[in-house]
Every structure is written in C-alpha cells, then in structure tokens.
Amino acid sequence: MLPNIFLYTDYKKYLRDYYASQKRLSKNFSYRFFAAKSKVSAGQLNDVIAGRRALTEKVMRKYAAAMGLNPKETGYFSLLLRFVNNRDPEGKQDDFSEIAKARKRSRLRPLDQEQYEFYSKWYHCAIRELITLPDFQDDPEWIASRIIPRITSTQAKASLELLAHLELIRRDARGKWVQCDAIITSESDVKSLAMRAYNGEMLRLARESIDRFPLETREVSTLTLGVSPACYQDLKRRIREFKLELLNAVIEDSSPSRMICQMNFQLFPLAEDPEKERS
C-alpha cells in the first residue's frame, strides 16, 4: 500500500502521500506513531512535510527503514533529497538527470535465478514479444511461421508453456496471452550458462542477418578503438545507459507494435593489455 516513490520528484510530497496512505489504512497511525517507529521526533516530520525544515540524509535513512523501503527505493529517496535540497542550478540539473535514469531503471523487473531458463533458447524472447502484436494468433503453427529463422510448431508450443510456467506470460480474463511485466531484464554481468548460450545464439543470428536481410531492413556497424582501462569501463557504463534510453523510447511509444527486432551490443578486447602481462 506504499505510494510508488519512483513517481515522485519531491520528497515532501512523497512523505505527505505516505502519511495519508497509512492513515487511511489505520486510524491509529499518527505522527507520534511514526516518530516512535523511526526514532525521529513527531514535529520534525510535520516540519519537513510543510517545508519548514529540510530533510537530512541521516533522518531520511531512518524514515526509509521505518517505511520498509528496499535498497533501490532508498537510493532513489536519497536522490530526491539531493535534488530538492540542491541550490545550485547546474547541480540540480545533474541531480534531475540521475532521477530520470533511476525512474527508467525502476520499470525493469530482473528475472529470478530460476527464470534464466528463459534464455535457454533464443526464440523464447521473440515469442514473448510476438504475443503483443495486434494480429497475434494463439496457434503454434502460426507462431512458428512468423519467427525468423523458422522454428517448428512443437518448439513454439513448448515455448508458450515454458513462458507461462516461468510466469512471464499469462492469460487474461478473455483467455488471451499477455505479458506479466512489460519489460524484464537480466542482472548485469550475470554468469549464467543460459545467458552465455543466449548471447552466443544472438551473435550467430546477427552474423546471419547480413545475408538474410537487405541493407534497408538491418543496421550492422562496428568500431575499433584504442582506449584506456578507465575509458573501457566508461564505455560499458554508457552502453547500459543507452540500453535504458532505448527501453524508455519503446515504453513511451504509443503506436501499436508491428514487428519484433533484436538489438545487440558487444564490447570486447582485440589485443592483450600489457599491464596484465607484467602482473
């Protein structure tokens, strides 16, 4: 019943809505009750909500613990604190950029470890997206005919069963397949064997796409760069941020989906690091 903190850009409004939501749940909830739970005076919460006092990081942490926020939510709470309390216009803009990134990340649901079987075959991802198309037909033969490269109807049927078993798709009230979550993600740098196999399959499909599709329906390009170790790590970070930007663009696209596509990102060494040879 907590308000979704990722929908807020002002911690005062979040605290106000949190208090109101708890008050609706229990008549016994009060400033004094929350003060005892957070070990912060009742008057301080009232002053913070009213804007008479700025929230500090130390008190914010106590509030977050009392409200039962998880680490990701607490980190976002800290961003709100920095943004609202910042009096430097340029610094405030930087803080808002961090808030925007965090809000995008909040829309992603990481897979549970058991759900990494999702990546055991490349076409599971494609079929999960295929069910969102307006002309989708709940027929293994039809599904198999739409996937590129082609799969069998038996594989398509087994894929639907697996996706349902892993709770990545479900049937709605009308019996139609729908996604349980709009966007899912694997954890960064995960070492799952299924993920390694999945990435290998997608690299194979990317290589084959050069011959399979005409130039106007694909985009394949490469860069060869000389970089420092620090820059290399920065490139990895930028790739992850760019992926979030692309996901956000898809989320905000109001037009119905008509096609399923795959985008790959690769960054790997082409020469040995001389520093590693000396270590």
Protein backbone atom coordinates (compact mmCIF):
# COMPACT_ATOMS: atom_id res chain seq x y z
CA MET A 1 0.00 0.00 0.00
CA LEU A 2 3.02 2.30 -0.14
CA PRO A 3 2.96 5.09 -2.74
CA ASN A 4 5.38 4.32 -5.58
CA ILE A 5 8.36 6.51 -4.73
CA PHE A 6 9.61 6.37 -8.34
CA LEU A 7 6.65 8.52 -9.38
CA TYR A 8 7.87 11.45 -7.26
CA THR A 9 10.40 14.23 -7.74
CA ASP A 10 9.73 15.92 -4.37
CA TYR A 11 10.36 14.04 -1.13
CA LYS A 12 7.94 16.33 0.76
CA LYS A 13 5.03 15.24 -1.43
CA TYR A 14 6.08 11.60 -1.11
CA LEU A 15 6.14 11.81 2.69
CA ARG A 16 2.79 13.58 2.66
CA ASP A 17 1.21 10.88 0.50
CA TYR A 18 2.85 8.14 2.57
CA TYR A 19 1.37 9.57 5.74
CA ALA A 20 -2.07 9.89 4.12
CA SER A 21 -1.99 6.31 2.80
CA GLN A 22 -1.06 4.89 6.20
CA LYS A 23 -3.72 6.99 7.90
CA ARG A 24 -6.33 5.51 5.56
CA LEU A 25 -5.15 2.01 6.44
CA SER A 26 -5.18 2.56 10.20
CA LYS A 27 -6.84 5.21 12.32
CA ASN A 28 -4.14 4.62 14.93
CA PHE A 29 -1.38 5.80 12.58
CA SER A 30 -0.13 9.26 13.60
CA TYR A 31 2.93 11.49 13.58
CA ARG A 32 3.67 10.21 17.06
CA PHE A 33 3.33 6.58 15.96
CA PHE A 34 5.74 7.11 13.05
CA ALA A 35 8.12 9.04 15.32
CA ALA A 36 8.37 6.07 17.65
CA LYS A 37 8.97 3.75 14.69
CA SER A 38 11.61 5.94 13.04
CA LYS A 39 13.14 7.28 16.29
CA VAL A 40 12.76 10.84 14.98
CA SER A 41 10.61 13.48 16.68
CA ALA A 42 7.00 13.81 15.50
CA GLY A 43 7.37 17.53 14.99
CA GLN A 44 10.25 17.03 12.58
CA LEU A 45 8.17 15.02 10.08
CA ASN A 46 5.45 17.64 10.24
CA ASP A 47 8.00 20.41 9.62
CA VAL A 48 9.58 18.52 6.68
CA ILE A 49 6.22 17.90 5.01
CA ALA A 50 5.24 21.55 5.50
CA GLY A 51 8.56 22.74 4.04
CA ARG A 52 9.69 24.42 7.23
CA ARG A 53 12.71 22.14 7.56
CA ALA A 54 14.93 20.40 5.03
CA LEU A 55 15.28 16.64 5.28
CA THR A 56 18.79 15.40 6.07
CA GLU A 57 20.41 12.20 4.80
CA LYS A 58 20.60 10.77 8.34
CA VAL A 59 16.89 11.32 9.04
CA MET A 60 15.97 10.14 5.52
CA ARG A 61 17.66 6.80 6.22
CA LYS A 62 15.64 6.41 9.42
CA TYR A 63 12.42 7.24 7.59
CA ALA A 64 13.27 4.79 4.80
CA ALA A 65 13.85 1.99 7.33
CA ALA A 66 10.61 2.81 9.16
CA MET A 67 8.67 2.75 5.89
CA GLY A 68 10.24 -0.55 4.83
CA LEU A 69 11.83 0.78 1.63
CA ASN A 70 14.19 -1.60 -0.15
CA PRO A 71 17.77 -0.55 -1.11
CA LYS A 72 16.75 0.59 -4.63
CA GLU A 73 13.88 2.69 -3.23
CA THR A 74 16.12 4.11 -0.50
CA GLY A 75 18.71 5.07 -3.11
CA TYR A 76 16.01 6.91 -5.07
CA PHE A 77 14.84 8.62 -1.86
CA SER A 78 18.42 9.86 -1.42
CA LEU A 79 18.37 11.23 -4.99
CA LEU A 80 15.16 13.15 -4.22
CA LEU A 81 16.79 14.57 -1.11
CA ARG A 82 19.80 15.78 -3.06
CA PHE A 83 17.68 17.21 -5.86
CA VAL A 84 15.24 19.14 -3.67
CA ASN A 85 17.91 20.48 -1.31
CA ASN A 86 20.37 21.48 -4.05
CA ARG A 87 20.52 25.25 -4.57
CA ASP A 88 22.98 25.17 -7.48
CA PRO A 89 21.08 25.31 -10.83
CA GLU A 90 23.66 23.24 -12.72
CA GLY A 91 23.96 20.73 -9.90
CA LYS A 92 20.19 20.50 -9.69
CA GLN A 93 20.01 19.68 -13.41
CA ASP A 94 22.57 16.89 -12.92
CA ASP A 95 20.54 15.54 -10.00
CA PHE A 96 17.38 15.55 -12.11
CA SER A 97 19.18 13.59 -14.84
CA GLU A 98 20.07 10.96 -12.22
CA ILE A 99 16.43 10.87 -11.10
CA ALA A 100 15.28 10.34 -14.70
CA LYS A 101 17.70 7.42 -15.14
CA ALA A 102 16.60 5.84 -11.86
CA ARG A 103 12.93 6.13 -12.87
CA LYS A 104 13.68 4.32 -16.14
CA ARG A 105 15.51 1.54 -14.29
CA SER A 106 12.59 1.16 -11.88
CA ARG A 107 10.40 -0.06 -14.76
CA LEU A 108 12.59 -3.11 -15.29
CA ARG A 109 11.91 -6.36 -13.47
CA PRO A 110 15.04 -8.51 -13.03
CA LEU A 111 14.50 -12.21 -13.62
CA ASP A 112 14.69 -14.61 -10.71
CA GLN A 113 17.56 -17.12 -10.89
CA GLU A 114 15.08 -19.92 -11.73
CA GLN A 115 13.78 -17.89 -14.67
CA TYR A 116 17.09 -17.88 -16.53
CA GLU A 117 15.77 -20.92 -18.41
CA PHE A 118 14.02 -18.17 -20.40
CA TYR A 119 17.39 -17.61 -22.11
CA SER A 120 17.98 -21.28 -22.91
CA LYS A 121 16.58 -20.79 -26.44
CA TRP A 122 16.79 -17.55 -28.40
CA TYR A 123 13.20 -17.74 -29.65
CA HIS A 124 11.60 -17.60 -26.16
CA CYS A 125 12.28 -13.84 -26.10
CA ALA A 126 10.88 -13.41 -29.60
CA ILE A 127 7.68 -15.31 -28.81
CA ARG A 128 7.15 -13.35 -25.59
CA GLU A 129 7.22 -10.15 -27.66
CA LEU A 130 5.21 -11.68 -30.51
CA ILE A 131 2.13 -12.08 -28.30
CA THR A 132 1.89 -8.25 -28.05
CA LEU A 133 1.23 -7.84 -31.79
CA PRO A 134 -2.36 -6.95 -32.76
CA ASP A 135 -2.59 -9.84 -35.22
CA PHE A 136 -1.12 -12.48 -32.86
CA GLN A 137 -2.74 -15.90 -33.21
CA ASP A 138 -2.65 -18.41 -30.36
CA ASP A 139 -1.61 -21.15 -32.75
CA PRO A 140 1.83 -22.87 -32.66
CA GLU A 141 1.77 -23.25 -36.45
CA TRP A 142 1.16 -19.51 -36.92
CA ILE A 143 3.83 -18.60 -34.33
CA ALA A 144 6.39 -20.88 -35.96
CA SER A 145 5.69 -19.32 -39.36
CA ARG A 146 6.33 -15.79 -38.06
CA ILE A 147 9.64 -16.41 -36.29
CA ILE A 148 12.86 -15.72 -38.23
CA PRO A 149 14.68 -18.05 -38.66
CA ARG A 150 11.86 -20.58 -38.68
CA ILE A 151 11.19 -22.88 -35.73
CA THR A 152 8.84 -25.86 -35.50
CA SER A 153 5.29 -25.72 -34.17
CA THR A 154 6.40 -28.15 -31.44
CA GLN A 155 9.07 -25.68 -30.34
CA ALA A 156 6.55 -22.83 -30.39
CA LYS A 157 4.08 -24.78 -28.23
CA ALA A 158 6.78 -25.75 -25.74
CA SER A 159 7.96 -22.13 -25.60
CA LEU A 160 4.48 -20.86 -24.67
CA GLU A 161 4.26 -23.50 -21.95
CA LEU A 162 7.67 -22.52 -20.57
CA LEU A 163 6.87 -18.78 -20.59
CA ALA A 164 3.64 -19.47 -18.72
CA HIS A 165 5.41 -21.78 -16.24
CA LEU A 166 8.03 -19.09 -15.53
CA GLU A 167 5.20 -16.55 -15.04
CA LEU A 168 6.50 -14.36 -17.86
CA ILE A 169 3.16 -14.55 -19.70
CA ARG A 170 -0.37 -15.32 -18.51
CA ARG A 171 -3.90 -15.50 -19.89
CA ASP A 172 -6.12 -12.51 -19.21
CA ALA A 173 -9.86 -12.60 -18.41
CA ARG A 174 -10.63 -13.20 -22.11
CA GLY A 175 -8.16 -16.08 -22.35
CA LYS A 176 -5.67 -14.03 -24.40
CA TRP A 177 -1.92 -14.33 -23.77
CA VAL A 178 -0.45 -11.17 -22.20
CA GLN A 179 2.93 -10.33 -20.68
CA CYS A 180 3.14 -10.39 -16.88
CA ASP A 181 5.63 -7.48 -16.99
CA ALA A 182 6.17 -5.03 -19.83
CA ILE A 183 9.95 -5.17 -19.58
CA ILE A 184 12.22 -7.72 -17.92
CA THR A 185 15.98 -7.75 -17.64
CA SER A 186 18.87 -9.95 -16.59
CA GLU A 187 21.30 -8.71 -13.98
CA SER A 188 24.42 -7.05 -15.40
CA ASP A 189 27.45 -9.32 -15.84
CA VAL A 190 25.42 -12.40 -14.92
CA LYS A 191 27.48 -15.59 -15.39
CA SER A 192 24.54 -17.92 -16.05
CA LEU A 193 25.32 -20.63 -18.60
CA ALA A 194 21.91 -19.99 -20.14
CA MET A 195 22.79 -16.33 -20.64
CA ARG A 196 26.11 -17.23 -22.25
CA ALA A 197 24.36 -19.60 -24.65
CA TYR A 198 21.68 -17.00 -25.38
CA ASN A 199 24.23 -14.30 -26.18
CA GLY A 200 26.09 -16.74 -28.40
CA GLU A 201 22.88 -17.55 -30.31
CA MET A 202 22.07 -13.87 -30.78
CA LEU A 203 25.57 -13.20 -32.10
CA ARG A 204 25.06 -16.05 -34.57
CA LEU A 205 21.74 -14.57 -35.71
CA ALA A 206 23.37 -11.15 -36.04
CA ARG A 207 26.06 -12.63 -38.28
CA GLU A 208 23.46 -14.42 -40.40
CA SER A 209 21.32 -11.27 -40.66
CA ILE A 210 23.91 -9.75 -43.01
CA ASP A 211 22.91 -12.28 -45.66
CA ARG A 212 19.33 -12.87 -44.53
CA PHE A 213 18.03 -9.29 -44.73
CA PRO A 214 18.52 -6.46 -47.23
CA LEU A 215 20.52 -3.43 -46.13
CA GLU A 216 17.44 -1.23 -45.66
CA THR A 217 15.97 -3.56 -43.00
CA ARG A 218 19.06 -4.01 -40.85
CA GLU A 219 21.75 -1.90 -39.18
CA VAL A 220 25.09 -3.59 -38.61
CA SER A 221 28.13 -1.45 -37.88
CA THR A 222 31.38 -1.72 -35.93
CA LEU A 223 34.04 0.45 -34.29
CA THR A 224 37.65 -0.44 -33.50
CA LEU A 225 39.08 1.82 -30.78
CA GLY A 226 42.20 2.39 -28.73
CA VAL A 227 41.16 3.22 -25.14
CA SER A 228 42.46 3.37 -21.58
CA PRO A 229 41.17 0.87 -18.97
CA ALA A 230 39.14 3.66 -17.36
CA CYS A 231 37.59 4.62 -20.70
CA TYR A 232 36.81 0.95 -21.40
CA GLN A 233 34.80 0.73 -18.19
CA ASP A 234 33.10 4.02 -19.06
CA LEU A 235 32.07 2.61 -22.45
CA LYS A 236 30.44 -0.35 -20.67
CA ARG A 237 28.54 2.05 -18.43
CA ARG A 238 27.41 4.15 -21.41
CA ILE A 239 26.16 1.05 -23.25
CA ARG A 240 24.00 0.14 -20.25
CA GLU A 241 22.63 3.67 -20.03
CA PHE A 242 21.91 3.70 -23.77
CA LYS A 243 20.00 0.44 -23.42
CA LEU A 244 17.82 2.10 -20.77
CA GLU A 245 17.21 5.05 -23.10
CA LEU A 246 16.09 2.68 -25.86
CA LEU A 247 13.82 0.79 -23.48
CA ASN A 248 12.26 4.05 -22.35
CA ALA A 249 11.65 5.02 -26.00
CA VAL A 250 9.81 1.72 -26.51
CA ILE A 251 7.77 2.22 -23.32
CA GLU A 252 6.70 5.70 -24.42
CA ASP A 253 5.87 4.63 -27.99
CA SER A 254 2.07 4.90 -28.19
CA SER A 255 1.81 3.26 -31.63
CA PRO A 256 0.96 -0.47 -31.73
CA SER A 257 3.84 -2.88 -32.28
CA ARG A 258 4.07 -4.33 -35.80
CA MET A 259 7.42 -6.09 -35.75
CA ILE A 260 9.85 -7.83 -33.40
CA CYS A 261 13.52 -6.95 -33.71
CA GLN A 262 16.78 -7.76 -31.96
CA MET A 263 19.48 -5.25 -30.98
CA ASN A 264 22.88 -6.50 -29.82
CA PHE A 265 25.67 -4.66 -28.02
CA GLN A 266 29.22 -6.04 -27.97
CA LEU A 267 32.38 -4.66 -26.43
CA PHE A 268 35.45 -6.88 -26.15
CA PRO A 269 39.28 -6.64 -26.37
CA LEU A 270 41.15 -7.20 -29.63
CA ALA A 271 44.63 -7.09 -28.08
CA GLU A 272 46.24 -8.03 -24.78
CA ASP A 273 46.64 -5.40 -22.06
CA PRO A 274 50.43 -5.01 -21.49
CA GLU A 275 49.81 -4.17 -17.82
CA LYS A 276 48.19 -7.57 -17.31
CA GLU A 277 51.20 -9.31 -18.87
CA ARG A 278 53.52 -7.66 -16.31
CA SER A 279 51.28 -8.53 -13.33
